[in-house]
């Protein structure tokens, strides 16, 4: 019996029991749709995070104090005093793979204008910080080296701070605010950057000269971190090696001593986040894939019922010359048809669900070709695996007993 005849017989059998066939396929449809939708949402989230991180510059290099330990217990890095402005000077003078270097000093506090106030973080930086972090000035200007040297009380506001203090579409350049009771003149406003891929508001900040924040607001003689730009993304690894060599020398660390600082590149962070999101995406897909197993069991169940119902038909086919392998193929094709049709409908449903979920969450969704191909392959395997036992049972029936079956 050729496969075209087998396919016609399988289609007629399914049409004869349309509702039962659809309910059987429903398990596969739900399973495939869940897998496609979960993978699309996970992949879309990954793309969104990657784009957000890349917008800050793939050649950015970050230096932070290393975690302090005492008695084997981590004390964190927030209070570490290992980084000094002299480290910034050394990097500027000696690192050939870096194009810009800026210190960063952080101070949180209340900001007041008139009867309005808000809590935010003030970042003390140099003028190079904006190019390193890909920040744009919407109005006003950046503080200059003279203002940094004289510890001038000038600042640049992020859009969230502007909205909290002055309202939407306000331009407060030239006005004076109070940060920790000290008056600061607003000389610039940053362009809106929105939320980061991690959900952090990138506009809830104030930039000021690092000398001002260090001495007047934080009252410290060290810096919290260093931001730099590598010559290119390809030279990020060379830049990291240079930074480690220079800082180990300036910190007078012995060869056997661990670094008291951490150096990270934006490209490394992107790779790390990418691997984490990949794991989460596959985990979501695997959880959704459990419903495919349930759908496969449903196919096996209904095929066993079908074999029982059509026992006399099987006996009749055998009595007129049908061989066991022909019966095996007949039921196997029927099982595979159920699974593949369910998979096709599941792929369409999954695509529509992913697009709907993306629009509701205001997040991109990406249906990859690999996931569609994988869904078809899995459906084919399910059809063969869960249809084999019922088909084998039908093929092994005794023709005489089958014809006598009531």
Protein backbone atom coordinates (compact mmCIF):
# COMPACT_ATOMS: atom_id res chain seq x y z
CA UNK A 1 0.00 0.00 0.00
CA UNK A 2 1.52 3.32 -1.07
CA UNK A 3 1.70 6.37 1.16
CA UNK A 4 -0.84 8.40 -0.84
CA UNK A 5 -3.48 5.74 -0.12
CA UNK A 6 -2.42 5.61 3.52
CA UNK A 7 -2.79 9.40 3.74
CA UNK A 8 -6.28 9.31 2.18
CA UNK A 9 -7.39 6.60 4.60
CA UNK A 10 -5.99 8.59 7.56
CA UNK A 11 -7.74 11.79 6.45
CA UNK A 12 -11.07 9.97 6.02
CA UNK A 13 -10.69 8.42 9.48
CA UNK A 14 -10.05 11.82 11.06
CA UNK A 15 -12.92 13.51 9.18
CA UNK A 16 -15.25 10.74 10.33
CA UNK A 17 -14.47 11.73 13.94
CA UNK A 18 -13.84 15.46 13.51
CA UNK A 19 -14.61 16.57 17.06
CA UNK A 20 -12.58 13.78 18.63
CA UNK A 21 -9.64 14.49 16.30
CA UNK A 22 -9.75 18.21 17.13
CA UNK A 23 -9.90 17.58 20.88
CA UNK A 24 -6.93 15.21 20.53
CA UNK A 25 -4.97 17.82 18.57
CA UNK A 26 -5.84 20.45 21.17
CA UNK A 27 -3.18 19.12 23.54
CA UNK A 28 -0.52 19.44 20.83
CA UNK A 29 -1.85 22.88 19.77
CA UNK A 30 -1.65 24.21 23.34
CA UNK A 31 1.79 22.66 23.89
CA UNK A 32 3.33 24.02 20.68
CA UNK A 33 1.67 27.43 21.12
CA UNK A 34 3.03 27.66 24.67
CA UNK A 35 6.57 26.77 23.58
CA UNK A 36 6.55 29.19 20.61
CA UNK A 37 5.07 32.03 22.70
CA UNK A 38 7.44 31.51 25.65
CA UNK A 39 10.52 31.34 23.42
CA UNK A 40 9.37 34.42 21.47
CA UNK A 41 8.78 36.46 24.64
CA UNK A 42 12.10 35.33 26.13
CA UNK A 43 14.00 36.08 22.91
CA UNK A 44 12.30 39.48 22.62
CA UNK A 45 13.27 40.37 26.18
CA UNK A 46 16.85 39.35 25.42
CA UNK A 47 16.95 41.55 22.29
CA UNK A 48 15.48 44.49 24.23
CA UNK A 49 18.07 44.17 27.03
CA UNK A 50 20.92 43.78 24.55
CA UNK A 51 19.87 46.89 22.61
CA UNK A 52 19.52 48.87 25.83
CA UNK A 53 22.97 47.86 27.05
CA UNK A 54 24.53 48.41 23.64
CA UNK A 55 23.10 51.95 23.57
CA UNK A 56 25.43 52.77 26.48
CA UNK A 57 28.43 51.80 24.38
CA UNK A 58 29.89 48.36 23.80
CA UNK A 59 33.43 49.66 24.44
CA UNK A 60 32.75 50.98 27.96
CA UNK A 61 35.08 49.79 30.74
CA UNK A 62 34.05 49.99 34.40
CA UNK A 63 36.38 49.84 37.41
CA UNK A 64 34.86 49.29 40.85
CA UNK A 65 36.33 48.43 44.28
CA UNK A 66 36.51 44.68 44.86
CA UNK A 67 34.42 43.03 47.56
CA UNK A 68 36.11 43.35 50.90
CA UNK A 69 36.35 40.23 53.04
CA UNK A 70 36.94 39.78 56.72
CA UNK A 71 37.22 36.31 58.20
CA UNK A 72 35.93 34.80 54.93
CA UNK A 73 32.78 36.98 55.03
CA UNK A 74 32.07 39.45 52.21
CA UNK A 75 31.55 43.01 53.50
CA UNK A 76 30.60 44.44 50.11
CA UNK A 77 32.39 47.12 48.13
CA UNK A 78 30.34 50.24 48.88
CA UNK A 79 32.61 51.53 51.66
CA UNK A 80 35.91 50.56 50.04
CA UNK A 81 38.47 53.38 49.81
CA UNK A 82 40.92 51.71 47.43
CA UNK A 83 40.20 53.89 44.37
CA UNK A 84 41.70 57.40 44.32
CA UNK A 85 41.79 60.20 41.80
CA UNK A 86 45.47 59.37 41.32
CA UNK A 87 44.29 56.12 39.69
CA UNK A 88 42.35 58.16 37.13
CA UNK A 89 45.44 60.25 36.39
CA UNK A 90 47.58 57.11 35.98
CA UNK A 91 45.08 55.58 33.55
CA UNK A 92 44.84 58.79 31.52
CA UNK A 93 48.62 59.05 31.25
CA UNK A 94 49.58 55.41 30.71
CA UNK A 95 46.70 53.43 29.18
CA UNK A 96 47.05 53.43 25.39
CA UNK A 97 43.85 51.42 24.76
CA UNK A 98 41.61 53.96 26.56
CA UNK A 99 40.29 57.13 24.94
CA UNK A 100 38.45 58.71 27.89
CA UNK A 101 38.53 58.23 31.66
CA UNK A 102 36.22 59.71 34.30
CA UNK A 103 36.00 59.27 38.07
CA UNK A 104 32.60 58.68 39.65
CA UNK A 105 31.59 59.76 43.17
CA UNK A 106 28.05 59.03 44.34
CA UNK A 107 26.00 60.86 46.95
CA UNK A 108 22.30 60.33 47.59
CA UNK A 109 20.11 63.01 49.12
CA UNK A 110 17.07 65.23 49.00
CA UNK A 111 16.81 67.83 46.25
CA UNK A 112 14.60 70.87 46.83
CA UNK A 113 13.19 73.61 44.60
CA UNK A 114 10.59 75.89 46.14
CA UNK A 115 7.96 73.68 47.75
CA UNK A 116 8.89 70.64 45.63
CA UNK A 117 11.41 67.98 46.63
CA UNK A 118 12.61 64.57 45.46
CA UNK A 119 15.12 61.90 46.43
CA UNK A 120 17.76 61.08 43.83
CA UNK A 121 21.44 60.21 43.35
CA UNK A 122 24.07 62.82 42.56
CA UNK A 123 26.97 61.55 40.45
CA UNK A 124 30.22 63.44 40.68
CA UNK A 125 32.01 63.05 37.36
CA UNK A 126 34.31 64.75 34.87
CA UNK A 127 33.19 66.23 31.54
CA UNK A 128 34.29 63.02 29.76
CA UNK A 129 31.64 61.00 31.58
CA UNK A 130 28.87 62.01 29.19
CA UNK A 131 30.65 60.70 26.09
CA UNK A 132 31.61 57.48 27.91
CA UNK A 133 28.00 56.80 29.01
CA UNK A 134 26.47 58.06 25.73
CA UNK A 135 24.55 60.83 27.50
CA UNK A 136 23.28 63.78 25.43
CA UNK A 137 22.61 67.36 26.54
CA UNK A 138 19.05 68.50 25.72
CA UNK A 139 19.54 72.11 26.80
CA UNK A 140 22.31 74.08 28.48
CA UNK A 141 25.91 72.90 28.65
CA UNK A 142 28.41 70.60 30.38
CA UNK A 143 30.57 71.86 33.26
CA UNK A 144 34.15 72.63 32.27
CA UNK A 145 37.59 71.89 33.76
CA UNK A 146 37.72 75.27 35.52
CA UNK A 147 34.45 74.52 37.34
CA UNK A 148 35.74 71.08 38.29
CA UNK A 149 38.97 72.54 39.66
CA UNK A 150 37.18 75.24 41.68
CA UNK A 151 34.56 72.80 43.05
CA UNK A 152 31.77 74.93 41.55
CA UNK A 153 28.22 74.20 42.69
CA UNK A 154 26.78 73.54 39.23
CA UNK A 155 24.78 70.54 38.04
CA UNK A 156 23.04 68.82 35.13
CA UNK A 157 19.62 67.24 35.72
CA UNK A 158 18.08 64.07 34.31
CA UNK A 159 14.53 64.26 32.94
CA UNK A 160 12.92 62.46 35.90
CA UNK A 161 14.38 64.99 38.34
CA UNK A 162 13.21 67.85 36.10
CA UNK A 163 9.64 66.46 36.01
CA UNK A 164 9.57 65.86 39.78
CA UNK A 165 10.75 69.38 40.62
CA UNK A 166 9.49 71.55 37.76
CA UNK A 167 6.86 69.56 35.86
CA UNK A 168 6.81 68.19 32.32
CA UNK A 169 8.41 70.09 29.42
CA UNK A 170 10.10 72.52 31.82
CA UNK A 171 13.53 73.99 31.05
CA UNK A 172 15.11 74.86 34.43
CA UNK A 173 18.53 75.92 33.06
CA UNK A 174 19.72 78.92 35.05
CA UNK A 175 17.60 78.16 38.13
CA UNK A 176 19.01 77.17 41.53
CA UNK A 177 18.13 74.05 43.51
CA UNK A 178 19.29 72.87 46.91
CA UNK A 179 21.06 69.51 47.32
CA UNK A 180 21.62 68.58 50.95
CA UNK A 181 20.98 72.25 51.83
CA UNK A 182 23.69 73.48 49.43
CA UNK A 183 22.62 75.71 46.49
CA UNK A 184 23.47 74.35 43.02
CA UNK A 185 22.93 76.21 39.77
CA UNK A 186 21.39 74.16 36.94
CA UNK A 187 23.55 74.55 33.82
CA UNK A 188 22.11 71.72 31.73
CA UNK A 189 19.39 69.11 31.21
CA UNK A 190 20.01 65.60 29.83
CA UNK A 191 18.09 63.97 26.99
CA UNK A 192 15.51 61.39 28.05
CA UNK A 193 16.91 57.81 28.06
CA UNK A 194 14.00 55.96 29.68
CA UNK A 195 14.26 52.73 31.62
CA UNK A 196 17.16 50.36 31.19
CA UNK A 197 16.64 46.71 30.24
CA UNK A 198 16.82 45.92 33.97
CA UNK A 199 13.95 48.31 34.77
CA UNK A 200 16.19 51.04 36.22
CA UNK A 201 15.22 54.67 35.56
CA UNK A 202 18.23 56.12 33.72
CA UNK A 203 16.88 59.68 34.03
CA UNK A 204 16.65 59.80 37.83
CA UNK A 205 20.07 61.38 38.40
CA UNK A 206 22.02 64.60 38.77
CA UNK A 207 25.54 65.13 37.39
CA UNK A 208 27.94 67.51 39.06
CA UNK A 209 31.75 68.05 39.12
CA UNK A 210 33.36 65.15 40.99
CA UNK A 211 35.38 67.56 43.16
CA UNK A 212 32.17 69.24 44.34
CA UNK A 213 30.41 65.98 45.17
CA UNK A 214 33.53 64.48 46.74
CA UNK A 215 34.32 67.41 49.04
CA UNK A 216 31.04 69.26 49.58
CA UNK A 217 28.38 66.49 49.50
CA UNK A 218 30.04 63.15 50.30
CA UNK A 219 32.96 64.55 52.35
CA UNK A 220 35.36 61.78 51.28
CA UNK A 221 38.88 61.68 49.80
CA UNK A 222 38.37 58.59 47.61
CA UNK A 223 36.19 57.83 44.58
CA UNK A 224 33.50 55.17 44.18
CA UNK A 225 34.39 54.04 40.68
CA UNK A 226 36.03 54.83 37.34
CA UNK A 227 34.39 54.77 33.91
CA UNK A 228 36.41 54.65 30.72
CA UNK A 229 36.08 54.06 26.98
CA UNK A 230 38.23 51.58 25.11
CA UNK A 231 39.51 52.59 21.69
CA UNK A 232 37.11 50.01 20.19
CA UNK A 233 35.02 47.02 21.26
CA UNK A 234 37.67 44.70 19.81
CA UNK A 235 40.32 46.26 22.07
CA UNK A 236 38.25 45.98 25.27
CA UNK A 237 40.27 42.95 26.41
CA UNK A 238 43.56 44.82 25.84
CA UNK A 239 42.16 47.81 27.74
CA UNK A 240 41.17 45.59 30.69
CA UNK A 241 44.64 44.04 30.80
CA UNK A 242 46.24 47.51 30.75
CA UNK A 243 43.94 48.78 33.52
CA UNK A 244 44.76 45.79 35.73
CA UNK A 245 48.49 46.17 35.18
CA UNK A 246 48.47 49.93 35.91
CA UNK A 247 46.20 49.74 38.98
CA UNK A 248 48.07 46.79 40.51
CA UNK A 249 51.23 48.88 40.23
CA UNK A 250 49.69 52.08 41.65
CA UNK A 251 48.08 50.07 44.49
CA UNK A 252 51.44 48.38 45.16
CA UNK A 253 49.96 44.89 45.15
CA UNK A 254 52.24 41.87 45.44
CA UNK A 255 52.20 39.25 42.70
CA UNK A 256 50.43 36.76 44.97
CA UNK A 257 47.82 39.31 46.15
CA UNK A 258 44.32 39.45 44.70
CA UNK A 259 43.11 42.60 42.97
CA UNK A 260 41.43 45.07 45.33
CA UNK A 261 39.39 46.33 42.35
CA UNK A 262 37.17 44.81 39.64
CA UNK A 263 37.38 45.61 35.94
CA UNK A 264 34.42 44.88 33.68
CA UNK A 265 33.68 45.75 30.09
CA UNK A 266 30.25 46.42 28.63
CA UNK A 267 30.75 43.61 26.11
CA UNK A 268 31.41 41.17 28.99
CA UNK A 269 28.22 42.31 30.72
CA UNK A 270 26.28 41.87 27.47
CA UNK A 271 27.63 38.33 27.10
CA UNK A 272 26.77 37.51 30.72
CA UNK A 273 23.23 38.90 30.46
CA UNK A 274 22.81 37.10 27.12
CA UNK A 275 23.76 33.74 28.67
CA UNK A 276 21.40 34.31 31.62
CA UNK A 277 18.47 35.27 29.37
CA UNK A 278 19.19 32.26 27.16
CA UNK A 279 18.96 29.95 30.19
CA UNK A 280 15.71 31.57 31.32
CA UNK A 281 14.25 31.38 27.80
CA UNK A 282 15.08 27.68 27.46
CA UNK A 283 13.74 27.03 30.95
CA UNK A 284 10.44 28.69 30.02
CA UNK A 285 10.36 26.65 26.82
CA UNK A 286 11.05 23.42 28.71
CA UNK A 287 8.25 24.13 31.20
CA UNK A 288 5.84 24.87 28.36
CA UNK A 289 7.09 21.71 26.60
CA UNK A 290 5.56 19.57 29.38
CA UNK A 291 2.16 20.25 27.80
CA UNK A 292 3.51 18.66 24.60
CA UNK A 293 4.10 15.46 26.55
CA UNK A 294 0.49 15.61 27.78
CA UNK A 295 -0.65 16.12 24.18
CA UNK A 296 1.38 13.09 23.07
CA UNK A 297 -0.24 10.92 25.75
CA UNK A 298 -3.62 12.14 24.47
CA UNK A 299 -2.71 10.97 20.96
CA UNK A 300 -1.69 7.53 22.26
CA UNK A 301 -4.92 7.26 24.22
CA UNK A 302 -7.17 8.16 21.29
CA UNK A 303 -5.26 5.88 18.90
CA UNK A 304 -5.75 2.95 21.29
CA UNK A 305 -9.48 3.74 21.34
CA UNK A 306 -9.45 3.93 17.54
CA UNK A 307 -7.75 0.51 17.25
CA UNK A 308 -10.38 -1.00 19.54
CA UNK A 309 -13.26 0.58 17.61
CA UNK A 310 -11.88 -0.51 14.23
CA UNK A 311 -10.88 -4.06 15.15
CA UNK A 312 -13.32 -5.59 12.64
CA UNK A 313 -12.05 -3.20 9.94
CA UNK A 314 -8.48 -4.31 10.68
CA UNK A 315 -9.54 -7.97 10.48
CA UNK A 316 -11.26 -7.35 7.14
CA UNK A 317 -8.18 -5.66 5.67
CA UNK A 318 -6.01 -8.54 6.81
CA UNK A 319 -8.39 -11.12 5.37
CA UNK A 320 -8.18 -9.59 1.89
CA UNK A 321 -4.38 -9.58 1.89
CA UNK A 322 -3.38 -6.69 4.12
CA UNK A 323 -0.08 -7.30 5.84
CA UNK A 324 0.83 -6.41 9.39
CA UNK A 325 3.22 -3.68 8.28
CA UNK A 326 0.46 -2.11 6.14
CA UNK A 327 -1.79 -1.88 9.20
CA UNK A 328 1.16 -0.52 11.20
CA UNK A 329 1.78 2.20 8.60
CA UNK A 330 -1.94 3.06 8.41
CA UNK A 331 -2.25 3.86 12.12
CA UNK A 332 1.20 5.42 12.31
CA UNK A 333 0.35 7.85 9.47
CA UNK A 334 -2.91 8.70 11.24
CA UNK A 335 -1.05 9.44 14.48
CA UNK A 336 1.58 11.56 12.72
CA UNK A 337 -1.11 13.48 10.83
CA UNK A 338 -2.83 14.34 14.12
CA UNK A 339 0.45 15.50 15.64
CA UNK A 340 1.70 17.54 12.64
CA UNK A 341 -1.68 19.24 12.03
CA UNK A 342 -1.82 20.10 15.74
CA UNK A 343 1.74 21.42 15.52
CA UNK A 344 0.95 23.65 12.52
CA UNK A 345 -2.10 25.13 14.28
CA UNK A 346 -0.01 25.48 17.45
CA UNK A 347 2.70 27.45 15.62
CA UNK A 348 0.11 29.88 14.22
CA UNK A 349 -1.54 30.21 17.65
CA UNK A 350 1.83 30.69 19.37
CA UNK A 351 2.80 33.44 16.93
CA UNK A 352 -0.49 35.29 17.52
CA UNK A 353 -0.22 34.86 21.32
CA UNK A 354 3.38 36.15 21.28
CA UNK A 355 2.39 39.25 19.28
CA UNK A 356 -0.59 39.91 21.57
CA UNK A 357 1.57 39.48 24.69
CA UNK A 358 4.21 41.80 23.20
CA UNK A 359 1.67 44.55 22.52
CA UNK A 360 0.12 44.20 25.99
CA UNK A 361 3.53 44.29 27.73
CA UNK A 362 4.88 46.93 25.31
CA UNK A 363 7.85 44.68 24.68
CA UNK A 364 9.21 43.14 21.46
CA UNK A 365 8.71 39.44 20.73
CA UNK A 366 10.89 37.46 18.33
CA UNK A 367 9.66 34.20 16.79
CA UNK A 368 12.85 32.53 15.58
CA UNK A 369 12.88 30.16 12.59
CA UNK A 370 14.77 27.61 14.70
CA UNK A 371 11.90 27.38 17.20
CA UNK A 372 9.37 26.77 14.40
CA UNK A 373 11.55 24.04 12.84
CA UNK A 374 12.11 22.51 16.29
CA UNK A 375 8.34 22.49 16.91
CA UNK A 376 7.73 20.57 13.67
CA UNK A 377 10.48 18.07 14.48
CA UNK A 378 9.12 17.52 18.00
CA UNK A 379 5.58 17.04 16.63
CA UNK A 380 6.87 14.47 14.13
CA UNK A 381 8.70 12.59 16.90
CA UNK A 382 5.61 12.71 19.15
CA UNK A 383 3.46 11.33 16.33
CA UNK A 384 5.86 8.42 15.77
CA UNK A 385 6.64 7.75 19.44
CA UNK A 386 3.11 7.88 20.83
CA UNK A 387 1.52 6.31 17.74
CA UNK A 388 3.90 3.36 17.55
CA UNK A 389 2.39 1.28 20.37
CA UNK A 390 -1.26 1.54 19.18
CA UNK A 391 -0.15 0.91 15.57
CA UNK A 392 1.92 -2.11 16.65
CA UNK A 393 -1.01 -3.44 18.63
CA UNK A 394 -3.25 -3.14 15.56
CA UNK A 395 -0.65 -4.85 13.33
CA UNK A 396 -0.36 -7.82 15.72
CA UNK A 397 -4.10 -8.59 15.82
CA UNK A 398 -5.15 -12.06 14.73
CA UNK A 399 -7.37 -11.66 11.61
CA UNK A 400 -9.86 -14.35 12.72
CA UNK A 401 -10.21 -12.89 16.21
CA UNK A 402 -10.52 -9.43 14.75
CA UNK A 403 -13.37 -10.48 12.42
CA UNK A 404 -15.21 -12.10 15.36
CA UNK A 405 -14.80 -8.98 17.54
CA UNK A 406 -18.10 -7.41 18.65
